[in-house]
Each structure stands twice: as C-alpha cells, then as structure tokens.
N, C-alpha and C. Protein backbone atom coordinates (compact mmCIF):
# COMPACT_ATOMS: atom_id res chain seq x y z
N MET A 1 -9.08 27.58 22.21
CA MET A 1 -10.41 28.08 21.83
C MET A 1 -11.04 27.06 21.01
N SER A 2 -12.30 26.64 21.32
CA SER A 2 -12.89 25.78 20.63
C SER A 2 -14.16 26.18 19.92
N PHE A 3 -14.51 25.84 18.91
CA PHE A 3 -15.74 26.21 18.04
C PHE A 3 -16.64 25.26 18.01
N LYS A 4 -17.86 25.37 18.38
CA LYS A 4 -18.98 24.47 18.62
C LYS A 4 -20.12 24.90 17.38
N PHE A 5 -20.57 23.85 16.57
CA PHE A 5 -21.62 24.14 15.82
C PHE A 5 -22.89 23.44 15.94
N SER A 6 -23.99 23.93 15.69
CA SER A 6 -25.23 23.24 15.82
C SER A 6 -25.27 22.08 14.83
N ASN A 7 -26.38 21.18 15.05
CA ASN A 7 -26.48 20.14 14.09
C ASN A 7 -26.68 20.58 12.66
N ASP A 8 -27.49 21.57 12.65
CA ASP A 8 -27.84 22.17 11.17
C ASP A 8 -26.69 22.71 10.58
N GLU A 9 -25.77 23.50 11.37
CA GLU A 9 -24.61 23.95 10.91
C GLU A 9 -23.58 23.06 10.43
N MET A 10 -23.32 21.93 11.16
CA MET A 10 -22.56 20.95 10.73
C MET A 10 -23.06 20.14 9.33
N LYS A 11 -24.34 20.00 9.36
CA LYS A 11 -24.81 19.42 8.16
C LYS A 11 -24.65 20.30 7.03
N GLU A 12 -24.76 21.57 7.07
CA GLU A 12 -24.66 22.36 5.97
C GLU A 12 -23.17 22.41 5.50
N LYS A 13 -22.30 22.41 6.54
CA LYS A 13 -20.83 22.41 6.17
C LYS A 13 -20.29 21.19 5.60
N ALA A 14 -20.83 19.99 6.07
CA ALA A 14 -20.40 18.66 5.49
C ALA A 14 -20.96 18.55 4.12
N LEU A 15 -22.04 19.17 3.85
CA LEU A 15 -22.68 18.90 2.60
C LEU A 15 -22.21 19.97 1.44
N HIS A 16 -21.49 20.92 1.90
CA HIS A 16 -21.13 22.10 0.94
C HIS A 16 -19.99 21.67 0.07
N GLY A 17 -20.02 21.71 -1.12
CA GLY A 17 -18.90 22.01 -2.10
C GLY A 17 -18.20 20.77 -2.72
N THR A 18 -19.10 19.72 -2.89
CA THR A 18 -18.31 18.69 -3.69
C THR A 18 -19.50 17.58 -4.09
N THR A 19 -18.82 16.63 -4.86
CA THR A 19 -19.56 15.38 -5.07
C THR A 19 -18.69 14.30 -4.95
N THR A 20 -18.91 13.41 -4.12
CA THR A 20 -18.05 12.01 -4.10
C THR A 20 -19.01 10.87 -4.13
N ILE A 21 -18.44 9.82 -4.70
CA ILE A 21 -19.49 8.60 -4.81
C ILE A 21 -18.30 7.39 -4.55
N GLY A 22 -18.96 6.40 -3.94
CA GLY A 22 -18.40 4.95 -3.65
C GLY A 22 -19.50 4.07 -3.74
N ILE A 23 -19.24 2.90 -4.54
CA ILE A 23 -20.14 1.96 -4.78
C ILE A 23 -19.47 0.48 -4.71
N VAL A 24 -20.14 -0.46 -4.25
CA VAL A 24 -19.48 -1.84 -4.22
C VAL A 24 -20.08 -2.60 -5.48
N CYS A 25 -19.15 -3.12 -6.17
CA CYS A 25 -19.47 -4.03 -7.39
C CYS A 25 -19.33 -5.47 -6.99
N LYS A 26 -19.33 -6.31 -8.03
CA LYS A 26 -19.38 -7.81 -7.69
C LYS A 26 -17.98 -8.09 -7.05
N ASN A 27 -16.85 -7.57 -7.56
CA ASN A 27 -15.48 -7.90 -7.07
C ASN A 27 -14.82 -6.76 -6.90
N SER A 28 -15.26 -5.60 -6.77
CA SER A 28 -14.44 -4.40 -6.60
C SER A 28 -15.26 -3.28 -5.94
N VAL A 29 -14.54 -2.18 -5.83
CA VAL A 29 -15.17 -1.01 -5.30
C VAL A 29 -14.82 0.11 -6.20
N VAL A 30 -15.70 1.10 -6.47
CA VAL A 30 -15.35 2.06 -7.61
C VAL A 30 -15.82 3.37 -6.93
N PHE A 31 -14.92 4.49 -7.12
CA PHE A 31 -15.09 5.71 -6.50
C PHE A 31 -15.01 6.87 -7.70
N ALA A 32 -15.75 7.70 -7.47
CA ALA A 32 -15.65 9.03 -8.41
C ALA A 32 -15.83 10.43 -7.61
N THR A 33 -15.10 11.29 -8.02
CA THR A 33 -15.36 12.51 -7.43
C THR A 33 -15.21 13.70 -8.39
N ASP A 34 -15.74 14.82 -8.21
CA ASP A 34 -15.41 15.97 -8.94
C ASP A 34 -14.12 16.71 -8.56
N THR A 35 -13.48 17.63 -9.30
CA THR A 35 -12.32 18.18 -8.80
C THR A 35 -12.41 19.68 -8.47
N ARG A 36 -13.50 20.23 -8.22
CA ARG A 36 -13.70 21.69 -7.87
C ARG A 36 -13.46 22.07 -6.48
N ALA A 37 -12.77 22.91 -6.20
CA ALA A 37 -12.85 23.43 -4.76
C ALA A 37 -13.35 24.80 -4.49
N VAL A 38 -14.19 24.94 -3.76
CA VAL A 38 -15.01 26.48 -3.66
C VAL A 38 -14.63 26.95 -2.24
N MET A 39 -14.47 28.41 -2.45
CA MET A 39 -14.47 29.05 -1.18
C MET A 39 -15.45 30.18 -1.16
N GLY A 40 -16.62 29.91 -0.52
CA GLY A 40 -17.79 30.71 -0.52
C GLY A 40 -18.34 30.59 -1.78
N TYR A 41 -18.45 31.61 -2.50
CA TYR A 41 -19.04 31.79 -3.95
C TYR A 41 -17.93 31.72 -5.13
N SER A 42 -16.73 31.47 -4.60
CA SER A 42 -15.59 31.41 -5.55
C SER A 42 -15.00 30.02 -5.85
N VAL A 43 -14.53 29.87 -7.12
CA VAL A 43 -13.96 28.65 -7.25
C VAL A 43 -12.35 28.73 -6.93
N ALA A 44 -11.99 28.17 -5.80
CA ALA A 44 -10.59 28.33 -5.30
C ALA A 44 -9.64 27.58 -6.20
N HIS A 45 -10.12 26.34 -6.56
CA HIS A 45 -9.20 25.60 -7.37
C HIS A 45 -9.96 24.65 -8.29
N LYS A 46 -9.52 24.31 -9.55
CA LYS A 46 -10.23 23.70 -10.44
C LYS A 46 -9.91 22.20 -10.52
N ASN A 47 -8.60 21.81 -10.03
CA ASN A 47 -8.24 20.31 -10.25
C ASN A 47 -7.74 19.93 -8.87
N VAL A 48 -8.68 19.68 -7.74
CA VAL A 48 -8.24 19.21 -6.48
C VAL A 48 -8.37 17.79 -6.44
N LYS A 49 -7.49 17.15 -5.81
CA LYS A 49 -7.70 15.69 -5.53
C LYS A 49 -8.53 15.36 -4.37
N LYS A 50 -9.70 14.49 -4.49
CA LYS A 50 -10.58 14.41 -3.54
C LYS A 50 -10.73 12.75 -3.19
N VAL A 51 -9.91 11.89 -3.92
CA VAL A 51 -9.80 10.54 -3.59
C VAL A 51 -8.42 10.38 -3.32
N TYR A 52 -8.11 9.55 -2.26
CA TYR A 52 -6.69 9.12 -1.78
C TYR A 52 -6.53 7.71 -1.70
N PRO A 53 -5.51 7.18 -2.07
CA PRO A 53 -5.03 5.74 -1.63
C PRO A 53 -4.63 5.80 -0.13
N ILE A 54 -5.05 4.77 0.50
CA ILE A 54 -4.39 4.57 1.95
C ILE A 54 -3.42 3.50 1.97
N GLU A 55 -3.84 2.38 1.34
CA GLU A 55 -2.97 1.20 0.99
C GLU A 55 -3.39 0.91 -0.40
N LYS A 56 -2.81 -0.22 -1.01
CA LYS A 56 -3.08 -0.67 -2.23
C LYS A 56 -4.42 -1.20 -2.40
N HIS A 57 -4.97 -1.68 -1.29
CA HIS A 57 -6.40 -2.18 -1.39
C HIS A 57 -7.46 -1.25 -0.69
N LEU A 58 -6.98 -0.06 -0.38
CA LEU A 58 -7.87 0.96 0.31
C LEU A 58 -7.86 2.27 -0.26
N ALA A 59 -8.92 3.12 -0.29
CA ALA A 59 -9.12 4.39 -0.49
C ALA A 59 -10.10 5.33 0.16
N ILE A 60 -9.98 6.59 0.33
CA ILE A 60 -10.83 7.37 0.92
C ILE A 60 -11.20 8.72 0.09
N THR A 61 -12.51 9.03 0.04
CA THR A 61 -12.82 10.25 -0.51
C THR A 61 -13.13 11.12 0.48
N ILE A 62 -12.87 12.44 0.23
CA ILE A 62 -13.15 13.64 1.29
C ILE A 62 -14.12 14.62 0.72
N ALA A 63 -14.90 15.27 1.62
CA ALA A 63 -15.79 16.24 1.20
C ALA A 63 -15.65 17.09 2.61
N GLY A 64 -15.61 18.57 2.48
CA GLY A 64 -15.45 19.38 3.59
C GLY A 64 -14.29 20.30 3.41
N GLY A 65 -13.65 20.50 4.72
CA GLY A 65 -12.36 21.13 4.78
C GLY A 65 -11.32 20.47 4.36
N VAL A 66 -10.31 20.85 3.52
CA VAL A 66 -9.13 20.25 2.95
C VAL A 66 -8.26 19.95 4.01
N ALA A 67 -7.90 21.02 4.77
CA ALA A 67 -6.82 20.82 5.93
C ALA A 67 -7.27 19.63 6.90
N ASP A 68 -8.34 19.69 7.32
CA ASP A 68 -8.90 18.56 8.24
C ASP A 68 -8.81 17.29 7.60
N ALA A 69 -9.36 17.13 6.29
CA ALA A 69 -9.33 15.99 5.53
C ALA A 69 -8.07 15.32 5.30
N GLN A 70 -7.04 16.20 5.00
CA GLN A 70 -5.73 15.76 4.47
C GLN A 70 -5.06 15.26 5.76
N ASN A 71 -5.23 15.81 7.01
CA ASN A 71 -4.72 15.45 8.34
C ASN A 71 -5.07 13.95 8.60
N VAL A 72 -6.48 13.83 8.41
CA VAL A 72 -7.14 12.42 8.61
C VAL A 72 -6.44 11.38 7.76
N VAL A 73 -6.34 11.81 6.47
CA VAL A 73 -5.88 10.86 5.45
C VAL A 73 -4.46 10.41 5.81
N GLU A 74 -3.58 11.41 6.27
CA GLU A 74 -2.24 10.98 6.70
C GLU A 74 -2.02 9.93 8.01
N ILE A 75 -3.11 10.27 8.77
CA ILE A 75 -3.13 9.46 10.10
C ILE A 75 -3.51 7.95 9.58
N LEU A 76 -4.46 7.84 8.72
CA LEU A 76 -4.98 6.48 8.33
C LEU A 76 -3.91 5.84 7.61
N LYS A 77 -3.16 6.43 6.67
CA LYS A 77 -2.10 5.97 6.08
C LYS A 77 -1.09 5.31 6.82
N VAL A 78 -0.66 6.00 8.12
CA VAL A 78 0.32 5.43 9.02
C VAL A 78 -0.28 4.32 9.71
N ASN A 79 -1.52 4.44 10.17
CA ASN A 79 -2.13 3.09 10.88
C ASN A 79 -2.18 2.00 9.88
N ALA A 80 -2.41 2.17 8.76
CA ALA A 80 -2.53 0.93 7.72
C ALA A 80 -1.20 0.32 7.72
N ARG A 81 -0.16 1.13 7.52
CA ARG A 81 1.18 0.62 7.19
C ARG A 81 1.87 0.03 8.63
N LEU A 82 1.36 0.60 9.61
CA LEU A 82 1.89 -0.08 10.98
C LEU A 82 1.25 -1.35 11.19
N TYR A 83 -0.13 -1.51 10.83
CA TYR A 83 -0.81 -2.72 10.93
C TYR A 83 -0.10 -3.79 10.05
N ARG A 84 0.14 -3.41 8.86
CA ARG A 84 0.75 -4.50 7.93
C ARG A 84 2.14 -4.85 8.44
N LEU A 85 3.00 -4.03 9.07
CA LEU A 85 4.28 -4.40 9.49
C LEU A 85 4.24 -5.21 10.79
N GLU A 86 3.16 -4.87 11.60
CA GLU A 86 2.95 -5.60 12.90
C GLU A 86 2.39 -7.02 12.71
N LYS A 87 1.30 -7.07 11.89
CA LYS A 87 0.47 -8.22 11.91
C LYS A 87 0.90 -9.22 10.54
N GLY A 88 1.64 -8.35 9.66
CA GLY A 88 2.00 -9.25 8.45
C GLY A 88 0.81 -9.49 7.45
N ARG A 89 -0.17 -8.66 7.49
CA ARG A 89 -1.26 -8.70 6.60
C ARG A 89 -1.93 -7.30 6.41
N ILE A 90 -2.65 -7.26 5.44
CA ILE A 90 -3.38 -5.87 5.06
C ILE A 90 -4.43 -5.73 6.16
N ILE A 91 -4.71 -4.50 6.51
CA ILE A 91 -5.76 -3.97 7.53
C ILE A 91 -7.03 -4.21 6.78
N PRO A 92 -8.03 -4.86 7.61
CA PRO A 92 -9.37 -4.88 6.99
C PRO A 92 -10.00 -3.53 6.89
N VAL A 93 -10.97 -3.52 5.73
CA VAL A 93 -11.60 -2.27 5.33
C VAL A 93 -12.48 -1.58 6.74
N SER A 94 -13.10 -2.55 7.37
CA SER A 94 -13.71 -2.17 8.53
C SER A 94 -12.91 -1.58 9.57
N ALA A 95 -11.72 -2.06 9.81
CA ALA A 95 -10.91 -1.66 10.75
C ALA A 95 -10.47 -0.12 10.62
N ILE A 96 -10.02 0.09 9.25
CA ILE A 96 -9.46 1.33 9.05
C ILE A 96 -10.53 2.39 8.96
N SER A 97 -11.85 1.98 8.62
CA SER A 97 -12.96 2.65 8.75
C SER A 97 -13.37 3.08 10.16
N ARG A 98 -13.20 1.99 11.19
CA ARG A 98 -13.43 2.41 12.49
C ARG A 98 -12.36 3.41 13.04
N ILE A 99 -11.34 3.29 12.65
CA ILE A 99 -10.13 4.34 13.08
C ILE A 99 -10.44 5.71 12.56
N ALA A 100 -10.92 5.81 11.32
CA ALA A 100 -11.30 7.24 10.85
C ALA A 100 -12.53 7.65 11.60
N ALA A 101 -13.64 6.90 11.96
CA ALA A 101 -14.81 7.23 12.64
C ALA A 101 -14.36 7.64 14.10
N ASN A 102 -13.37 6.95 14.61
CA ASN A 102 -12.91 7.27 15.98
C ASN A 102 -12.21 8.73 16.00
N LEU A 103 -11.29 8.99 15.09
CA LEU A 103 -10.71 10.33 15.03
C LEU A 103 -11.87 11.39 14.90
N LEU A 104 -12.93 11.29 14.18
CA LEU A 104 -13.89 12.38 14.08
C LEU A 104 -14.61 12.35 15.33
N PHE A 105 -15.02 11.17 15.93
CA PHE A 105 -15.84 11.28 17.18
C PHE A 105 -15.02 11.82 18.32
N GLN A 106 -13.72 11.58 18.45
CA GLN A 106 -12.75 12.28 19.46
C GLN A 106 -12.81 13.69 19.40
N SER A 107 -13.09 14.14 18.10
CA SER A 107 -12.87 15.74 17.84
C SER A 107 -14.23 16.32 17.90
N ARG A 108 -15.34 15.67 18.32
CA ARG A 108 -16.80 16.32 18.18
C ARG A 108 -16.97 17.57 19.07
N ALA A 109 -16.11 17.76 20.02
CA ALA A 109 -16.34 19.20 20.80
C ALA A 109 -15.96 20.34 19.80
N ALA A 110 -14.88 19.99 18.98
CA ALA A 110 -14.57 21.00 18.00
C ALA A 110 -14.50 20.19 16.59
N PRO A 111 -15.64 19.91 16.09
CA PRO A 111 -15.63 18.94 14.96
C PRO A 111 -14.70 19.20 13.84
N LEU A 112 -14.08 18.20 13.24
CA LEU A 112 -13.55 18.13 12.08
C LEU A 112 -14.40 18.44 10.79
N TYR A 113 -14.08 19.28 10.09
CA TYR A 113 -15.07 19.75 8.94
C TYR A 113 -14.79 18.86 7.86
N MET A 114 -15.45 17.73 7.90
CA MET A 114 -15.31 16.77 6.82
C MET A 114 -16.20 15.57 6.86
N GLN A 115 -16.58 14.98 5.65
CA GLN A 115 -17.21 13.74 5.56
C GLN A 115 -16.45 12.80 4.75
N ALA A 116 -16.45 11.48 4.89
CA ALA A 116 -15.79 10.66 4.11
C ALA A 116 -16.30 9.36 3.77
N ILE A 117 -15.97 8.88 2.60
CA ILE A 117 -16.21 7.57 2.09
C ILE A 117 -14.91 6.73 2.10
N VAL A 118 -15.02 5.60 2.76
CA VAL A 118 -13.88 4.64 2.96
C VAL A 118 -14.08 3.49 2.35
N GLY A 119 -13.46 2.83 1.43
CA GLY A 119 -13.69 1.56 0.85
C GLY A 119 -12.57 0.79 0.30
N GLY A 120 -12.71 -0.34 0.04
CA GLY A 120 -11.65 -1.21 -0.57
C GLY A 120 -12.06 -2.66 -0.60
N VAL A 121 -11.10 -3.54 -0.87
CA VAL A 121 -11.29 -4.90 -1.02
C VAL A 121 -10.32 -5.70 -0.18
N ASP A 122 -10.89 -6.31 0.80
CA ASP A 122 -9.99 -7.31 1.71
C ASP A 122 -10.39 -8.68 1.63
N ASP A 123 -9.95 -9.56 2.49
CA ASP A 123 -10.22 -11.02 2.48
C ASP A 123 -11.65 -11.38 2.60
N THR A 124 -12.64 -10.42 3.05
CA THR A 124 -14.05 -10.84 3.07
C THR A 124 -14.76 -10.03 1.84
N GLY A 125 -13.97 -9.50 0.94
CA GLY A 125 -14.60 -8.78 -0.20
C GLY A 125 -14.55 -7.50 -0.23
N PRO A 126 -15.42 -6.87 -1.15
CA PRO A 126 -15.39 -5.32 -1.19
C PRO A 126 -16.43 -4.73 -0.24
N HIS A 127 -16.00 -3.50 0.26
CA HIS A 127 -16.74 -2.77 1.22
C HIS A 127 -16.61 -1.31 1.07
N VAL A 128 -17.75 -0.66 1.47
CA VAL A 128 -17.78 0.83 1.41
C VAL A 128 -18.43 1.18 2.69
N TYR A 129 -17.91 2.25 3.31
CA TYR A 129 -18.40 2.77 4.61
C TYR A 129 -18.45 4.38 4.36
N THR A 130 -19.50 4.90 5.01
CA THR A 130 -19.58 6.42 4.96
C THR A 130 -19.36 6.87 6.45
N ILE A 131 -18.79 8.03 6.73
CA ILE A 131 -18.48 8.62 7.81
C ILE A 131 -18.80 10.07 7.98
N ASP A 132 -19.55 10.55 9.11
CA ASP A 132 -20.02 11.84 9.11
C ASP A 132 -19.06 12.54 9.95
N PRO A 133 -19.29 13.98 9.90
CA PRO A 133 -18.36 14.58 11.01
C PRO A 133 -18.34 14.43 12.34
N TYR A 134 -19.37 13.81 12.86
CA TYR A 134 -19.39 13.21 14.37
C TYR A 134 -18.82 11.97 14.66
N GLY A 135 -18.52 11.24 13.51
CA GLY A 135 -17.93 9.99 13.71
C GLY A 135 -18.98 8.80 13.64
N SER A 136 -20.18 9.01 12.86
CA SER A 136 -20.90 7.90 12.73
C SER A 136 -20.39 7.09 11.66
N LEU A 137 -20.56 5.84 11.75
CA LEU A 137 -20.10 4.86 10.73
C LEU A 137 -21.15 3.96 10.29
N ILE A 138 -21.26 3.97 9.05
CA ILE A 138 -22.41 3.11 8.29
C ILE A 138 -21.90 2.43 7.08
N GLU A 139 -21.98 1.12 6.96
CA GLU A 139 -21.53 0.37 5.76
C GLU A 139 -22.82 0.33 4.83
N ASP A 140 -22.44 0.61 3.55
CA ASP A 140 -23.48 0.59 2.49
C ASP A 140 -22.91 0.23 1.23
N ASN A 141 -23.75 -0.12 0.11
CA ASN A 141 -23.21 -0.65 -0.95
C ASN A 141 -23.19 0.65 -2.09
N CYS A 142 -23.86 1.57 -1.92
CA CYS A 142 -23.93 2.73 -2.81
C CYS A 142 -23.96 4.16 -1.99
N VAL A 143 -23.08 4.99 -2.10
CA VAL A 143 -22.96 6.20 -1.36
C VAL A 143 -22.52 7.29 -2.16
N SER A 144 -23.19 8.54 -1.61
CA SER A 144 -22.67 9.84 -2.26
C SER A 144 -22.62 10.68 -1.16
N THR A 145 -21.69 11.68 -1.15
CA THR A 145 -21.58 12.85 -0.15
C THR A 145 -21.29 14.18 -0.81
N GLY A 146 -21.49 15.17 -0.24
CA GLY A 146 -21.17 16.53 -0.58
C GLY A 146 -22.62 17.11 -1.26
N SER A 147 -22.49 18.32 -1.53
CA SER A 147 -23.65 19.16 -2.01
C SER A 147 -24.28 18.62 -3.36
N GLY A 148 -23.38 17.83 -4.03
CA GLY A 148 -24.01 17.43 -5.30
C GLY A 148 -24.66 15.94 -5.24
N SER A 149 -24.68 15.50 -4.08
CA SER A 149 -25.26 13.99 -3.65
C SER A 149 -26.53 13.73 -3.99
N PRO A 150 -27.48 14.88 -3.78
CA PRO A 150 -28.89 14.50 -4.14
C PRO A 150 -29.11 14.25 -5.53
N ILE A 151 -28.17 14.98 -6.28
CA ILE A 151 -28.47 14.82 -7.79
C ILE A 151 -27.73 13.41 -8.26
N ALA A 152 -26.57 13.24 -7.61
CA ALA A 152 -25.91 11.82 -8.01
C ALA A 152 -26.80 10.65 -7.49
N TYR A 153 -27.45 10.59 -6.41
CA TYR A 153 -28.38 9.65 -5.92
C TYR A 153 -29.51 9.35 -6.99
N GLY A 154 -29.81 10.45 -7.74
CA GLY A 154 -30.99 10.34 -8.64
C GLY A 154 -30.57 9.45 -9.77
N VAL A 155 -29.39 9.30 -10.14
CA VAL A 155 -28.75 8.42 -11.08
C VAL A 155 -28.37 7.02 -10.48
N LEU A 156 -27.79 7.08 -9.27
CA LEU A 156 -27.40 5.90 -8.58
C LEU A 156 -28.46 4.86 -8.25
N GLU A 157 -29.55 5.45 -7.55
CA GLU A 157 -30.67 4.84 -7.11
C GLU A 157 -31.51 4.00 -8.19
N ASP A 158 -31.41 4.59 -9.27
CA ASP A 158 -32.25 4.03 -10.40
C ASP A 158 -31.46 3.04 -11.29
N ASN A 159 -30.21 2.94 -11.07
CA ASN A 159 -29.48 2.05 -11.93
C ASN A 159 -28.45 0.94 -11.07
N TYR A 160 -28.13 1.35 -9.88
CA TYR A 160 -27.20 0.54 -9.28
C TYR A 160 -27.68 -0.87 -8.85
N ARG A 161 -26.65 -1.87 -9.15
CA ARG A 161 -26.83 -3.25 -8.73
C ARG A 161 -25.63 -3.82 -8.19
N LYS A 162 -25.77 -4.60 -7.20
CA LYS A 162 -24.48 -5.21 -6.25
C LYS A 162 -23.62 -5.91 -7.10
N ASP A 163 -24.35 -6.69 -8.11
CA ASP A 163 -23.57 -7.56 -9.14
C ASP A 163 -22.99 -6.95 -10.23
N MET A 164 -22.85 -5.73 -10.21
CA MET A 164 -22.28 -5.07 -11.52
C MET A 164 -20.80 -5.30 -11.58
N SER A 165 -20.39 -5.42 -12.91
CA SER A 165 -18.93 -5.61 -13.09
C SER A 165 -18.23 -4.17 -12.87
N SER A 166 -16.96 -4.27 -12.72
CA SER A 166 -16.21 -2.97 -12.52
C SER A 166 -16.42 -1.98 -13.79
N LYS A 167 -16.61 -2.49 -14.89
CA LYS A 167 -16.76 -1.59 -16.13
C LYS A 167 -18.30 -1.07 -16.04
N GLU A 168 -19.14 -1.75 -15.57
CA GLU A 168 -20.60 -1.20 -15.40
C GLU A 168 -20.59 -0.21 -14.16
N GLY A 169 -19.72 -0.48 -13.09
CA GLY A 169 -19.72 0.30 -12.08
C GLY A 169 -19.04 1.70 -12.54
N VAL A 170 -17.93 1.65 -13.30
CA VAL A 170 -17.39 3.01 -13.70
C VAL A 170 -18.16 3.62 -14.64
N ASP A 171 -18.92 3.04 -15.50
CA ASP A 171 -19.96 3.65 -16.28
C ASP A 171 -20.95 4.45 -15.49
N LEU A 172 -21.50 3.78 -14.37
CA LEU A 172 -22.40 4.33 -13.59
C LEU A 172 -21.99 5.54 -12.74
N VAL A 173 -20.83 5.25 -12.13
CA VAL A 173 -20.35 6.43 -11.14
C VAL A 173 -19.96 7.75 -12.08
N ILE A 174 -19.55 7.50 -13.35
CA ILE A 174 -19.23 8.68 -14.27
C ILE A 174 -20.49 9.42 -14.63
N ARG A 175 -21.48 8.68 -15.03
CA ARG A 175 -22.93 9.28 -15.16
C ARG A 175 -23.38 10.08 -14.11
N ALA A 176 -23.24 9.57 -12.96
CA ALA A 176 -23.81 10.22 -11.56
C ALA A 176 -22.94 11.41 -11.34
N VAL A 177 -21.78 11.34 -11.43
CA VAL A 177 -21.01 12.55 -11.01
C VAL A 177 -21.02 13.57 -12.01
N LYS A 178 -21.15 13.32 -13.41
CA LYS A 178 -21.34 14.20 -14.44
C LYS A 178 -22.76 15.00 -14.27
N SER A 179 -23.63 14.25 -13.81
CA SER A 179 -24.94 14.77 -13.61
C SER A 179 -24.90 15.73 -12.57
N ALA A 180 -24.19 15.43 -11.44
CA ALA A 180 -24.08 16.34 -10.26
C ALA A 180 -23.36 17.79 -10.72
N MET A 181 -22.25 17.54 -11.61
CA MET A 181 -21.45 18.54 -12.02
C MET A 181 -22.20 19.64 -12.93
N LYS A 182 -23.30 18.98 -13.53
CA LYS A 182 -24.13 19.89 -14.36
C LYS A 182 -25.13 20.78 -13.59
N ARG A 183 -25.62 20.20 -12.36
CA ARG A 183 -26.53 20.92 -11.66
C ARG A 183 -26.14 21.49 -10.39
N ASP A 184 -25.18 21.03 -9.82
CA ASP A 184 -24.53 21.65 -8.47
C ASP A 184 -23.54 22.63 -8.75
N ILE A 185 -23.72 23.92 -8.39
CA ILE A 185 -22.84 25.08 -8.64
C ILE A 185 -21.44 24.76 -7.96
N ALA A 186 -21.16 23.87 -6.93
CA ALA A 186 -20.09 23.88 -6.15
C ALA A 186 -19.35 22.42 -6.55
N SER A 187 -19.94 21.71 -7.53
CA SER A 187 -19.28 20.51 -8.10
C SER A 187 -18.96 20.80 -9.61
N GLY A 188 -17.86 20.35 -10.17
CA GLY A 188 -17.56 20.66 -11.58
C GLY A 188 -16.12 20.61 -11.98
N ASN A 189 -15.81 21.14 -13.14
CA ASN A 189 -14.55 21.28 -13.82
C ASN A 189 -14.05 19.79 -14.47
N SER A 190 -13.95 18.82 -13.56
CA SER A 190 -13.53 17.54 -14.02
C SER A 190 -13.73 16.56 -12.98
N PHE A 191 -13.49 15.28 -13.17
CA PHE A 191 -13.76 14.31 -12.31
C PHE A 191 -12.54 13.19 -12.37
N ASP A 192 -12.45 12.45 -11.08
CA ASP A 192 -11.55 11.42 -11.00
C ASP A 192 -12.24 10.14 -10.74
N VAL A 193 -11.59 8.95 -11.29
CA VAL A 193 -12.40 7.84 -11.10
C VAL A 193 -11.30 6.79 -10.51
N VAL A 194 -11.74 5.97 -9.52
CA VAL A 194 -10.68 5.00 -9.03
C VAL A 194 -11.26 3.56 -8.88
N VAL A 195 -10.70 2.58 -9.17
CA VAL A 195 -11.10 1.29 -9.14
C VAL A 195 -10.23 0.49 -8.28
N ILE A 196 -10.65 -0.27 -7.30
CA ILE A 196 -9.96 -1.22 -6.30
C ILE A 196 -10.47 -2.48 -6.47
N GLU A 197 -9.47 -3.36 -7.04
CA GLU A 197 -9.85 -4.79 -7.16
C GLU A 197 -8.74 -5.58 -6.35
N LYS A 198 -8.76 -6.92 -6.50
CA LYS A 198 -7.84 -7.75 -5.65
C LYS A 198 -6.53 -7.35 -5.96
N GLU A 199 -6.19 -6.94 -7.38
CA GLU A 199 -4.90 -6.52 -7.79
C GLU A 199 -4.53 -5.12 -7.23
N GLY A 200 -5.44 -4.43 -6.56
CA GLY A 200 -5.07 -3.23 -5.92
C GLY A 200 -5.84 -2.04 -6.53
N TYR A 201 -5.07 -0.77 -6.28
CA TYR A 201 -5.81 0.61 -6.46
C TYR A 201 -5.25 0.83 -7.87
N ARG A 202 -6.26 1.52 -8.65
CA ARG A 202 -6.00 1.86 -9.97
C ARG A 202 -6.85 3.22 -10.32
N GLU A 203 -6.14 4.28 -10.58
CA GLU A 203 -6.92 5.38 -11.05
C GLU A 203 -6.87 5.59 -12.66
N LEU A 204 -8.14 5.87 -13.14
CA LEU A 204 -8.39 5.87 -14.53
C LEU A 204 -7.69 7.05 -15.06
N THR A 205 -7.08 6.79 -16.35
CA THR A 205 -6.27 7.76 -17.16
C THR A 205 -7.49 8.70 -17.82
N ASP A 206 -7.02 9.78 -18.34
CA ASP A 206 -8.05 10.73 -18.97
C ASP A 206 -8.70 9.92 -20.27
N LYS A 207 -7.70 9.03 -20.94
CA LYS A 207 -8.13 8.37 -22.03
C LYS A 207 -9.30 7.26 -21.61
N GLU A 208 -9.06 6.68 -20.70
CA GLU A 208 -9.92 5.62 -20.17
C GLU A 208 -11.26 6.31 -19.73
N LYS A 209 -11.20 7.51 -19.09
CA LYS A 209 -12.36 8.02 -18.77
C LYS A 209 -13.17 8.70 -19.95
N ASN A 210 -12.49 9.11 -20.98
CA ASN A 210 -13.18 9.42 -22.22
C ASN A 210 -13.77 8.48 -22.94
N VAL A 211 -13.17 7.20 -22.93
CA VAL A 211 -13.67 6.09 -23.56
C VAL A 211 -14.97 5.60 -22.85
N ALA A 212 -14.94 5.72 -21.48
CA ALA A 212 -16.15 5.15 -20.66
C ALA A 212 -17.28 6.11 -20.97
N THR A 213 -17.16 7.45 -21.21
CA THR A 213 -18.21 8.26 -21.51
C THR A 213 -18.72 8.49 -22.96
N ASP A 214 -18.03 7.64 -23.79
CA ASP A 214 -18.42 7.71 -25.09
C ASP A 214 -19.86 6.91 -25.43
C-alpha cells in the first residue's frame, strides 16, 4: 500500500518541526540544529540528534520523519565506507549527495518524509548541498531547512560571507538557530553545532557553545 501526497502536503511535512543550518566558510563547513522533536502539538523529545557524521569529512542534517531519515543516514554511511575501501580515497561531497538525492527520487511514489543538508570538505574544498523529499539536489553556500528556516534565514542572509572563518561561521549559525528557537514553536530546547575542516568532523562541547554565545 502506497501513500501519495500533494505538493503542498509534502512541502508542509518537510518544513514541519525543526531548524537545521549548513554554511560554507573559507576552509570549512559549519552545521547547527535544534534538538526538539515534535509529535503534532506535543514535544516528543527534548534532546534529539539531527546532525550525523557520514565519514570524518562528511555530515548530514535531517528534518522530517526520524525513521526515514535514520534509514537514509545508515545507507549513506555504508556507501561512503565502501567507496573508501574500493577506491582508496574519500568519497566526494557531490557523490554522496547524489546518492542521497537518488534514494529520495526513487521513493517519490511513496515519498520519504525528510529533507536534508549534506556537507563536508573534500579535495576540491568545502561544499554544502540541500536535498528535498523528491530528490532535488542543489549546491549552495548558506542553507536552512525546517519550520524555523524562515527565521534563521533572516539572520543568515544579513550576515553571511563565504570568506568567513570557522569561528565566525560558528558564531553566525548559533545566532541563527537561537533566533529560530525563540520564534518557532517546533524548534527549541537546545542546539548542536558541528564543524568540518580538513582535520575532520568535530562537534562542539557545551562549554564551547557557551563561550561562542557570550
């Protein structure tokens, strides 16, 4: 049995219930997400992980249905590791993003209830891609998804520069996600921040996040 959604219904579902952000900096990619999970008008969980490492140079943020998103994340992890074993090098950000887009496109008859931001640093530099529930794939320098994204974009569009340092990028995404958490009922509780540089994937500690917001 398959379930089909209209374009408006899919748009509403993809935008409902989170704030995720990904930006390209001078030599890095920075992600931020809130940690609230909602079920209708209820807060289902206050500390949900919405940004996941795929490889040491790659990460993905998720918005939408947790089960669909976690399944896609595991498939991407396996493909990234197989690529490294077979080719002897890390998978390009564009390639893993295309795999994610293909997974969603192939399921468009019964769409996977998720939207994603994939980003990382490879031999060609830092990259960020956004992927919608139908598998559309767009590379961008500054992206936000979820119900809090219109508020986050208000901060990002006014302050983002592509030549930002990692520290400047961290400060910006924290300001953006905190703004969304204040105004979007489905975003809140806390937030996670991840920085990917040539050295690899690093999630900020609570102390580092507190210092960044002082």
